[in-house]
Amino acid sequence: MTNLKTIKIGSKVKLKFGKRVELYKIVNPHEADVMKDLISCDSPLGNALLGCKEGETVEFKTAPEESVKYEVENVK
């Protein structure tokens, strides 16, 4: 059985969105900088990712009636 890593503050995550791949680091709110791919744990995406594991799909709302799904490919 593989040891899947759980996303927490400080984790670097590789996400798949359709054919796009995005890399982020989950950080505390005061460290967030979207231009450097540092996502706040309090942001909609950061909050949705906390506690997820490699291979899981996470969905979060981007607007009242819209949502986005990401596949967690890798956690470091």
PDB file of N, CA and C in Angstrom:
ATOM      1  N   MET A   1       0.844  -1.182   0.000  1.00  0.00           N
ATOM      2  CA  MET A   1       0.000   0.000   0.000  1.00  0.00           C
ATOM      3  C   MET A   1       0.890   1.246   0.000  1.00  0.00           C
ATOM      4  N   THR A   2       0.540   2.214  -0.838  1.00  0.00           N
ATOM      5  CA  THR A   2       1.339   3.430  -0.934  1.00  0.00           C
ATOM      6  C   THR A   2       0.993   4.391   0.192  1.00  0.00           C
ATOM      7  N   ASN A   3       1.958   5.227   0.522  1.00  0.00           N
ATOM      8  CA  ASN A   3       1.775   6.217   1.571  1.00  0.00           C
ATOM      9  C   ASN A   3       1.428   7.554   0.914  1.00  0.00           C
ATOM     10  N   LEU A   4       0.157   7.863   0.780  1.00  0.00           N
ATOM     11  CA  LEU A   4      -0.279   9.092   0.135  1.00  0.00           C
ATOM     12  C   LEU A   4      -0.115  10.270   1.084  1.00  0.00           C
ATOM     13  N   LYS A   5       0.435  11.351   0.575  1.00  0.00           N
ATOM     14  CA  LYS A   5       0.670  12.536   1.385  1.00  0.00           C
ATOM     15  C   LYS A   5      -0.589  13.399   1.442  1.00  0.00           C
ATOM     16  N   THR A   6      -0.817  13.986   2.609  1.00  0.00           N
ATOM     17  CA  THR A   6      -1.972  14.854   2.830  1.00  0.00           C
ATOM     18  C   THR A   6      -1.536  16.303   2.708  1.00  0.00           C
ATOM     19  N   ILE A   7      -2.368  17.117   2.058  1.00  0.00           N
ATOM     20  CA  ILE A   7      -2.055  18.532   1.883  1.00  0.00           C
ATOM     21  C   ILE A   7      -2.282  19.272   3.191  1.00  0.00           C
ATOM     22  N   LYS A   8      -1.268  20.063   3.566  1.00  0.00           N
ATOM     23  CA  LYS A   8      -1.346  20.896   4.769  1.00  0.00           C
ATOM     24  C   LYS A   8      -0.614  22.200   4.465  1.00  0.00           C
ATOM     25  N   ILE A   9      -0.622  23.131   5.400  1.00  0.00           N
ATOM     26  CA  ILE A   9       0.110  24.380   5.208  1.00  0.00           C
ATOM     27  C   ILE A   9       1.583  24.044   5.014  1.00  0.00           C
ATOM     28  N   GLY A  10       2.182  24.606   3.986  1.00  0.00           N
ATOM     29  CA  GLY A  10       3.569  24.329   3.638  1.00  0.00           C
ATOM     30  C   GLY A  10       3.717  23.314   2.520  1.00  0.00           C
ATOM     31  N   SER A  11       2.641  22.615   2.179  1.00  0.00           N
ATOM     32  CA  SER A  11       2.706  21.626   1.104  1.00  0.00           C
ATOM     33  C   SER A  11       2.833  22.299  -0.254  1.00  0.00           C
ATOM     34  N   LYS A  12       3.612  21.649  -1.119  1.00  0.00           N
ATOM     35  CA  LYS A  12       3.672  22.038  -2.526  1.00  0.00           C
ATOM     36  C   LYS A  12       2.817  21.038  -3.275  1.00  0.00           C
ATOM     37  N   VAL A  13       1.874  21.537  -4.072  1.00  0.00           N
ATOM     38  CA  VAL A  13       0.935  20.646  -4.745  1.00  0.00           C
ATOM     39  C   VAL A  13       0.979  20.845  -6.256  1.00  0.00           C
ATOM     40  N   LYS A  14       0.836  19.736  -6.955  1.00  0.00           N
ATOM     41  CA  LYS A  14       0.735  19.740  -8.414  1.00  0.00           C
ATOM     42  C   LYS A  14      -0.697  19.346  -8.735  1.00  0.00           C
ATOM     43  N   LEU A  15      -1.409  20.261  -9.403  1.00  0.00           N
ATOM     44  CA  LEU A  15      -2.816  20.055  -9.705  1.00  0.00           C
ATOM     45  C   LEU A  15      -3.042  19.972 -11.196  1.00  0.00           C
ATOM     46  N   LYS A  16      -3.991  19.131 -11.599  1.00  0.00           N
ATOM     47  CA  LYS A  16      -4.371  19.016 -13.002  1.00  0.00           C
ATOM     48  C   LYS A  16      -5.773  19.572 -13.162  1.00  0.00           C
ATOM     49  N   PHE A  17      -5.922  20.473 -14.139  1.00  0.00           N
ATOM     50  CA  PHE A  17      -7.204  21.090 -14.448  1.00  0.00           C
ATOM     51  C   PHE A  17      -7.402  20.939 -15.949  1.00  0.00           C
ATOM     52  N   GLY A  18      -8.175  19.916 -16.335  1.00  0.00           N
ATOM     53  CA  GLY A  18      -8.271  19.595 -17.757  1.00  0.00           C
ATOM     54  C   GLY A  18      -6.917  19.115 -18.234  1.00  0.00           C
ATOM     55  N   LYS A  19      -6.360  19.794 -19.235  1.00  0.00           N
ATOM     56  CA  LYS A  19      -5.031  19.430 -19.739  1.00  0.00           C
ATOM     57  C   LYS A  19      -3.938  20.293 -19.120  1.00  0.00           C
ATOM     58  N   ARG A  20      -4.341  21.302 -18.348  1.00  0.00           N
ATOM     59  CA  ARG A  20      -3.365  22.183 -17.698  1.00  0.00           C
ATOM     60  C   ARG A  20      -2.873  21.584 -16.402  1.00  0.00           C
ATOM     61  N   VAL A  21      -1.613  21.872 -16.091  1.00  0.00           N
ATOM     62  CA  VAL A  21      -1.017  21.473 -14.813  1.00  0.00           C
ATOM     63  C   VAL A  21      -0.575  22.748 -14.114  1.00  0.00           C
ATOM     64  N   GLU A  22      -0.921  22.867 -12.840  1.00  0.00           N
ATOM     65  CA  GLU A  22      -0.573  24.043 -12.055  1.00  0.00           C
ATOM     66  C   GLU A  22       0.147  23.618 -10.782  1.00  0.00           C
ATOM     67  N   LEU A  23       1.135  24.401 -10.369  1.00  0.00           N
ATOM     68  CA  LEU A  23       1.910  24.129  -9.165  1.00  0.00           C
ATOM     69  C   LEU A  23       1.685  25.259  -8.169  1.00  0.00           C
ATOM     70  N   TYR A  24       1.374  24.922  -6.932  1.00  0.00           N
ATOM     71  CA  TYR A  24       1.137  25.907  -5.876  1.00  0.00           C
ATOM     72  C   TYR A  24       1.777  25.446  -4.579  1.00  0.00           C
ATOM     73  N   LYS A  25       2.023  26.402  -3.711  1.00  0.00           N
ATOM     74  CA  LYS A  25       2.415  26.110  -2.339  1.00  0.00           C
ATOM     75  C   LYS A  25       1.333  26.699  -1.445  1.00  0.00           C
ATOM     76  N   ILE A  26       0.846  25.919  -0.484  1.00  0.00           N
ATOM     77  CA  ILE A  26      -0.180  26.368   0.446  1.00  0.00           C
ATOM     78  C   ILE A  26       0.515  27.057   1.618  1.00  0.00           C
ATOM     79  N   VAL A  27       0.148  28.309   1.879  1.00  0.00           N
ATOM     80  CA  VAL A  27       0.828  29.105   2.900  1.00  0.00           C
ATOM     81  C   VAL A  27      -0.188  29.800   3.818  1.00  0.00           C
ATOM     82  N   ASN A  28       0.321  30.368   4.911  1.00  0.00           N
ATOM     83  CA  ASN A  28      -0.511  31.188   5.790  1.00  0.00           C
ATOM     84  C   ASN A  28      -0.915  32.459   5.039  1.00  0.00           C
ATOM     85  N   PRO A  29      -2.036  33.070   5.421  1.00  0.00           N
ATOM     86  CA  PRO A  29      -2.544  34.238   4.688  1.00  0.00           C
ATOM     87  C   PRO A  29      -1.526  35.366   4.512  1.00  0.00           C
ATOM     88  N   HIS A  30      -0.711  35.651   5.511  1.00  0.00           N
ATOM     89  CA  HIS A  30       0.228  36.767   5.407  1.00  0.00           C
ATOM     90  C   HIS A  30       1.390  36.476   4.448  1.00  0.00           C
ATOM     91  N   GLU A  31       1.556  35.222   4.033  1.00  0.00           N
ATOM     92  CA  GLU A  31       2.629  34.839   3.106  1.00  0.00           C
ATOM     93  C   GLU A  31       2.137  34.738   1.657  1.00  0.00           C
ATOM     94  N   ALA A  32       0.836  34.797   1.454  1.00  0.00           N
ATOM     95  CA  ALA A  32       0.247  34.564   0.133  1.00  0.00           C
ATOM     96  C   ALA A  32       0.739  35.580  -0.893  1.00  0.00           C
ATOM     97  N   ASP A  33       1.014  35.083  -2.094  1.00  0.00           N
ATOM     98  CA  ASP A  33       1.416  35.921  -3.221  1.00  0.00           C
ATOM     99  C   ASP A  33       1.087  35.146  -4.494  1.00  0.00           C
ATOM    100  N   VAL A  34      -0.038  35.461  -5.088  1.00  0.00           N
ATOM    101  CA  VAL A  34      -0.505  34.706  -6.252  1.00  0.00           C
ATOM    102  C   VAL A  34       0.485  34.786  -7.417  1.00  0.00           C
ATOM    103  N   MET A  35       1.255  35.870  -7.513  1.00  0.00           N
ATOM    104  CA  MET A  35       2.250  36.011  -8.586  1.00  0.00           C
ATOM    105  C   MET A  35       3.403  35.018  -8.411  1.00  0.00           C
ATOM    106  N   LYS A  36       3.608  34.517  -7.195  1.00  0.00           N
ATOM    107  CA  LYS A  36       4.648  33.524  -6.905  1.00  0.00           C
ATOM    108  C   LYS A  36       4.062  32.146  -6.666  1.00  0.00           C
ATOM    109  N   ASP A  37       2.763  31.962  -6.988  1.00  0.00           N
ATOM    110  CA  ASP A  37       2.052  30.695  -6.803  1.00  0.00           C
ATOM    111  C   ASP A  37       1.986  30.262  -5.341  1.00  0.00           C
ATOM    112  N   LEU A  38       1.939  31.240  -4.424  1.00  0.00           N
ATOM    113  CA  LEU A  38       1.776  30.984  -2.992  1.00  0.00           C
ATOM    114  C   LEU A  38       0.317  31.249  -2.648  1.00  0.00           C
ATOM    115  N   ILE A  39      -0.438  30.189  -2.398  1.00  0.00           N
ATOM    116  CA  ILE A  39      -1.885  30.273  -2.186  1.00  0.00           C
ATOM    117  C   ILE A  39      -2.206  30.226  -0.701  1.00  0.00           C
ATOM    118  N   SER A  40      -3.020  31.178  -0.250  1.00  0.00           N
ATOM    119  CA  SER A  40      -3.422  31.226   1.151  1.00  0.00           C
ATOM    120  C   SER A  40      -4.279  30.022   1.517  1.00  0.00           C
ATOM    121  N   CYS A  41      -4.054  29.504   2.712  1.00  0.00           N
ATOM    122  CA  CYS A  41      -4.880  28.402   3.218  1.00  0.00           C
ATOM    123  C   CYS A  41      -6.321  28.867   3.444  1.00  0.00           C
ATOM    124  N   ASP A  42      -6.538  30.183   3.519  1.00  0.00           N
ATOM    125  CA  ASP A  42      -7.885  30.729   3.710  1.00  0.00           C
ATOM    126  C   ASP A  42      -8.590  31.050   2.399  1.00  0.00           C
ATOM    127  N   SER A  43      -7.892  30.942   1.266  1.00  0.00           N
ATOM    128  CA  SER A  43      -8.525  31.198  -0.033  1.00  0.00           C
ATOM    129  C   SER A  43      -9.464  30.030  -0.356  1.00  0.00           C
ATOM    130  N   PRO A  44     -10.407  30.229  -1.275  1.00  0.00           N
ATOM    131  CA  PRO A  44     -11.302  29.114  -1.630  1.00  0.00           C
ATOM    132  C   PRO A  44     -10.553  27.865  -2.089  1.00  0.00           C
ATOM    133  N   LEU A  45      -9.535  28.034  -2.934  1.00  0.00           N
ATOM    134  CA  LEU A  45      -8.772  26.871  -3.398  1.00  0.00           C
ATOM    135  C   LEU A  45      -7.937  26.281  -2.277  1.00  0.00           C
ATOM    136  N   GLY A  46      -7.211  27.118  -1.550  1.00  0.00           N
ATOM    137  CA  GLY A  46      -6.379  26.635  -0.454  1.00  0.00           C
ATOM    138  C   GLY A  46      -7.180  25.883   0.596  1.00  0.00           C
ATOM    139  N   ASN A  47      -8.318  26.435   0.952  1.00  0.00           N
ATOM    140  CA  ASN A  47      -9.189  25.817   1.955  1.00  0.00           C
ATOM    141  C   ASN A  47      -9.720  24.473   1.456  1.00  0.00           C
ATOM    142  N   ALA A  48     -10.083  24.413   0.172  1.00  0.00           N
ATOM    143  CA  ALA A  48     -10.595  23.155  -0.390  1.00  0.00           C
ATOM    144  C   ALA A  48      -9.515  22.078  -0.455  1.00  0.00           C
ATOM    145  N   LEU A  49      -8.255  22.493  -0.651  1.00  0.00           N
ATOM    146  CA  LEU A  49      -7.162  21.527  -0.781  1.00  0.00           C
ATOM    147  C   LEU A  49      -6.703  20.943   0.551  1.00  0.00           C
ATOM    148  N   LEU A  50      -6.820  21.708   1.630  1.00  0.00           N
ATOM    149  CA  LEU A  50      -6.339  21.224   2.937  1.00  0.00           C
ATOM    150  C   LEU A  50      -6.983  19.886   3.292  1.00  0.00           C
ATOM    151  N   GLY A  51      -6.155  18.907   3.601  1.00  0.00           N
ATOM    152  CA  GLY A  51      -6.644  17.585   3.990  1.00  0.00           C
ATOM    153  C   GLY A  51      -6.797  16.613   2.837  1.00  0.00           C
ATOM    154  N   CYS A  52      -6.693  17.096   1.602  1.00  0.00           N
ATOM    155  CA  CYS A  52      -6.802  16.201   0.441  1.00  0.00           C
ATOM    156  C   CYS A  52      -5.511  15.409   0.272  1.00  0.00           C
ATOM    157  N   LYS A  53      -5.605  14.309  -0.469  1.00  0.00           N
ATOM    158  CA  LYS A  53      -4.454  13.445  -0.720  1.00  0.00           C
ATOM    159  C   LYS A  53      -4.222  13.312  -2.224  1.00  0.00           C
ATOM    160  N   GLU A  54      -3.013  12.843  -2.553  1.00  0.00           N
ATOM    161  CA  GLU A  54      -2.679  12.583  -3.954  1.00  0.00           C
ATOM    162  C   GLU A  54      -3.738  11.678  -4.573  1.00  0.00           C
ATOM    163  N   GLY A  55      -4.127  12.001  -5.803  1.00  0.00           N
ATOM    164  CA  GLY A  55      -5.105  11.186  -6.523  1.00  0.00           C
ATOM    165  C   GLY A  55      -6.541  11.613  -6.313  1.00  0.00           C
ATOM    166  N   GLU A  56      -6.799  12.431  -5.309  1.00  0.00           N
ATOM    167  CA  GLU A  56      -8.165  12.886  -5.053  1.00  0.00           C
ATOM    168  C   GLU A  56      -8.531  14.031  -5.980  1.00  0.00           C
ATOM    169  N   THR A  57      -9.824  14.224  -6.158  1.00  0.00           N
ATOM    170  CA  THR A  57     -10.345  15.353  -6.910  1.00  0.00           C
ATOM    171  C   THR A  57     -10.981  16.309  -5.922  1.00  0.00           C
ATOM    172  N   VAL A  58     -10.652  17.594  -6.073  1.00  0.00           N
ATOM    173  CA  VAL A  58     -11.193  18.616  -5.186  1.00  0.00           C
ATOM    174  C   VAL A  58     -12.027  19.574  -6.026  1.00  0.00           C
ATOM    175  N   GLU A  59     -13.177  19.963  -5.485  1.00  0.00           N
ATOM    176  CA  GLU A  59     -14.061  20.912  -6.158  1.00  0.00           C
ATOM    177  C   GLU A  59     -14.282  22.094  -5.234  1.00  0.00           C
ATOM    178  N   PHE A  60     -14.214  23.295  -5.795  1.00  0.00           N
ATOM    179  CA  PHE A  60     -14.473  24.482  -4.986  1.00  0.00           C
ATOM    180  C   PHE A  60     -15.230  25.511  -5.811  1.00  0.00           C
ATOM    181  N   LYS A  61     -15.988  26.339  -5.116  1.00  0.00           N
ATOM    182  CA  LYS A  61     -16.812  27.346  -5.784  1.00  0.00           C
ATOM    183  C   LYS A  61     -15.968  28.551  -6.183  1.00  0.00           C
ATOM    184  N   THR A  62     -16.186  29.018  -7.420  1.00  0.00           N
ATOM    185  CA  THR A  62     -15.531  30.223  -7.917  1.00  0.00           C
ATOM    186  C   THR A  62     -16.528  31.376  -8.018  1.00  0.00           C
ATOM    187  N   ALA A  63     -17.793  31.057  -7.976  1.00  0.00           N
ATOM    188  CA  ALA A  63     -18.889  32.026  -8.009  1.00  0.00           C
ATOM    189  C   ALA A  63     -20.111  31.322  -7.430  1.00  0.00           C
ATOM    190  N   PRO A  64     -21.163  32.063  -7.103  1.00  0.00           N
ATOM    191  CA  PRO A  64     -22.323  31.419  -6.472  1.00  0.00           C
ATOM    192  C   PRO A  64     -22.837  30.167  -7.184  1.00  0.00           C
ATOM    193  N   GLU A  65     -22.799  30.156  -8.506  1.00  0.00           N
ATOM    194  CA  GLU A  65     -23.325  28.993  -9.226  1.00  0.00           C
ATOM    195  C   GLU A  65     -22.274  28.306 -10.089  1.00  0.00           C
ATOM    196  N   GLU A  66     -21.002  28.578  -9.825  1.00  0.00           N
ATOM    197  CA  GLU A  66     -19.933  27.972 -10.613  1.00  0.00           C
ATOM    198  C   GLU A  66     -18.920  27.303  -9.698  1.00  0.00           C
ATOM    199  N   SER A  67     -18.319  26.234 -10.194  1.00  0.00           N
ATOM    200  CA  SER A  67     -17.273  25.562  -9.429  1.00  0.00           C
ATOM    201  C   SER A  67     -16.228  25.017 -10.389  1.00  0.00           C
ATOM    202  N   VAL A  68     -15.062  24.703  -9.834  1.00  0.00           N
ATOM    203  CA  VAL A  68     -13.933  24.175 -10.596  1.00  0.00           C
ATOM    204  C   VAL A  68     -13.461  22.901  -9.908  1.00  0.00           C
ATOM    205  N   LYS A  69     -13.062  21.916 -10.709  1.00  0.00           N
ATOM    206  CA  LYS A  69     -12.515  20.671 -10.167  1.00  0.00           C
ATOM    207  C   LYS A  69     -11.056  20.545 -10.567  1.00  0.00           C
ATOM    208  N   TYR A  70     -10.230  20.202  -9.589  1.00  0.00           N
ATOM    209  CA  TYR A  70      -8.809  19.925  -9.801  1.00  0.00           C
ATOM    210  C   TYR A  70      -8.526  18.509  -9.346  1.00  0.00           C
ATOM    211  N   GLU A  71      -7.607  17.838 -10.035  1.00  0.00           N
ATOM    212  CA  GLU A  71      -7.111  16.539  -9.579  1.00  0.00           C
ATOM    213  C   GLU A  71      -5.751  16.782  -8.919  1.00  0.00           C
ATOM    214  N   VAL A  72      -5.578  16.263  -7.713  1.00  0.00           N
ATOM    215  CA  VAL A  72      -4.314  16.403  -7.001  1.00  0.00           C
ATOM    216  C   VAL A  72      -3.366  15.320  -7.535  1.00  0.00           C
ATOM    217  N   GLU A  73      -2.350  15.745  -8.277  1.00  0.00           N
ATOM    218  CA  GLU A  73      -1.412  14.798  -8.870  1.00  0.00           C
ATOM    219  C   GLU A  73      -0.247  14.466  -7.958  1.00  0.00           C
ATOM    220  N   ASN A  74       0.227  15.455  -7.195  1.00  0.00           N
ATOM    221  CA  ASN A  74       1.407  15.239  -6.379  1.00  0.00           C
ATOM    222  C   ASN A  74       1.395  16.193  -5.193  1.00  0.00           C
ATOM    223  N   VAL A  75       1.890  15.732  -4.058  1.00  0.00           N
ATOM    224  CA  VAL A  75       2.012  16.556  -2.844  1.00  0.00           C
ATOM    225  C   VAL A  75       3.425  16.376  -2.306  1.00  0.00           C
ATOM    226  N   LYS A  76       4.101  17.492  -2.026  1.00  0.00           N
ATOM    227  CA  LYS A  76       5.443  17.446  -1.429  1.00  0.00           C
ATOM    228  C   LYS A  76       5.451  18.286  -0.181  1.00  0.00           C
TER     229      LYS A  76
END
